[in-house]
Amino acid sequence: FIANQVRKKMKRAIYFQGIGRHSQDQIYQLGVEDLAVLENFLAEKKYALGDKISTLDTCVYAHLVNILDVDIQSPLKDYADKSIIFKNYCENIKSFMDNDHL
């Protein structure tokens, strides 16, 4: 009973937020388009804002790692797995963390 109420409330919230008005394929397509923009933004940069790591990098890295390193297949993972830019970017962040800069 409670689970159904929560599910209905979540569906309604998602619908009113806007994303719930799209099909699953459309949602994935929007996500892939966002990844393409991010990939273009990160191209040839060590970090998101240049040569120094920023809080933006922690956010971007967290999202990318959840796509790249989690074993859940999706169009987002398919796109990100093919991106040398995303792989290099994540390696730069990992290297920074491994050097005890935190």
Protein backbone atom coordinates (compact mmCIF):
# COMPACT_ATOMS: atom_id res chain seq x y z
CA PHE A 1 0.00 0.00 0.00
CA ILE A 2 2.67 2.52 1.03
CA ALA A 3 4.95 1.48 -1.84
CA ASN A 4 2.15 2.15 -4.34
CA GLN A 5 1.53 5.59 -2.86
CA VAL A 6 5.23 6.44 -3.04
CA ARG A 7 5.42 5.14 -6.63
CA LYS A 8 2.42 7.27 -7.68
CA LYS A 9 3.88 10.32 -5.98
CA MET A 10 7.25 9.81 -7.71
CA LYS A 11 5.62 9.33 -11.12
CA ARG A 12 3.64 12.50 -10.63
CA ALA A 13 6.72 14.47 -9.53
CA ILE A 14 8.71 13.20 -12.52
CA TYR A 15 5.87 14.06 -14.86
CA PHE A 16 5.56 17.60 -13.53
CA GLN A 17 9.34 18.03 -13.56
CA GLY A 18 9.19 17.27 -17.29
CA ILE A 19 11.38 14.21 -17.79
CA GLY A 20 8.42 11.90 -17.15
CA ARG A 21 6.74 13.19 -20.29
CA HIS A 22 9.33 11.47 -22.50
CA SER A 23 9.73 7.84 -23.49
CA GLN A 24 12.73 5.89 -22.20
CA ASP A 25 14.37 6.14 -25.65
CA GLN A 26 13.88 9.91 -25.67
CA ILE A 27 15.37 10.22 -22.18
CA TYR A 28 18.44 8.22 -23.22
CA GLN A 29 18.77 10.33 -26.37
CA LEU A 30 18.72 13.51 -24.27
CA GLY A 31 21.40 11.99 -22.04
CA VAL A 32 23.59 11.03 -25.00
CA GLU A 33 23.24 14.57 -26.37
CA ASP A 34 24.32 15.94 -22.98
CA LEU A 35 27.35 13.61 -22.99
CA ALA A 36 28.29 14.82 -26.48
CA VAL A 37 28.21 18.45 -25.27
CA LEU A 38 30.29 17.53 -22.21
CA GLU A 39 32.77 15.64 -24.36
CA ASN A 40 33.16 18.66 -26.62
CA PHE A 41 33.60 20.93 -23.58
CA LEU A 42 36.31 18.70 -22.09
CA ALA A 43 38.19 18.14 -25.35
CA GLU A 44 41.92 18.75 -24.96
CA LYS A 45 41.59 19.97 -21.37
CA LYS A 46 43.27 18.35 -18.42
CA TYR A 47 40.48 19.57 -16.13
CA ALA A 48 37.12 21.19 -16.79
CA LEU A 49 38.32 24.74 -16.20
CA GLY A 50 41.89 24.42 -17.42
CA ASP A 51 45.07 23.25 -15.71
CA LYS A 52 43.81 23.30 -12.11
CA ILE A 53 41.27 20.95 -10.62
CA SER A 54 38.02 22.52 -9.38
CA THR A 55 34.81 21.52 -7.66
CA LEU A 56 33.25 21.26 -11.11
CA ASP A 57 35.67 18.42 -11.82
CA THR A 58 34.47 16.51 -8.79
CA CYS A 59 30.88 16.75 -10.03
CA VAL A 60 31.71 15.80 -13.62
CA TYR A 61 33.95 12.95 -12.48
CA ALA A 62 31.26 11.56 -10.16
CA HIS A 63 28.74 11.45 -12.99
CA LEU A 64 31.16 9.94 -15.50
CA VAL A 65 32.39 7.25 -13.12
CA ASN A 66 28.80 6.23 -12.43
CA ILE A 67 28.32 5.75 -16.15
CA LEU A 68 31.70 4.22 -17.02
CA ASP A 69 32.50 2.05 -14.00
CA VAL A 70 29.08 0.67 -13.09
CA ASP A 71 28.17 -2.55 -14.88
CA ILE A 72 24.77 -1.40 -16.13
CA GLN A 73 24.37 -1.33 -19.90
CA SER A 74 22.68 1.69 -21.42
CA PRO A 75 23.04 4.03 -24.39
CA LEU A 76 24.86 6.41 -22.04
CA LYS A 77 27.44 3.77 -21.17
CA ASP A 78 27.78 2.78 -24.84
CA TYR A 79 28.54 6.38 -25.75
CA ALA A 80 30.87 7.07 -22.82
CA ASP A 81 32.81 3.81 -23.32
CA LYS A 82 33.78 4.95 -26.82
CA SER A 83 35.07 8.33 -25.64
CA ILE A 84 38.83 8.63 -25.26
CA ILE A 85 38.20 12.14 -23.92
CA PHE A 86 36.14 10.81 -21.00
CA LYS A 87 38.67 8.07 -20.28
CA ASN A 88 41.60 10.53 -20.29
CA TYR A 89 39.68 13.00 -18.15
CA CYS A 90 38.84 10.35 -15.55
CA GLU A 91 42.47 9.20 -15.51
CA ASN A 92 43.59 12.79 -14.84
CA ILE A 93 41.23 13.01 -11.87
CA LYS A 94 42.28 9.58 -10.55
CA SER A 95 45.95 10.55 -10.89
CA PHE A 96 45.32 13.73 -8.95
CA MET A 97 43.60 11.79 -6.16
CA ASP A 98 46.31 9.11 -6.10
CA ASN A 99 48.94 11.80 -5.47
CA ASP A 100 47.34 12.70 -2.13
CA HIS A 101 46.19 16.14 -3.21
CA LEU A 102 42.98 15.83 -1.25
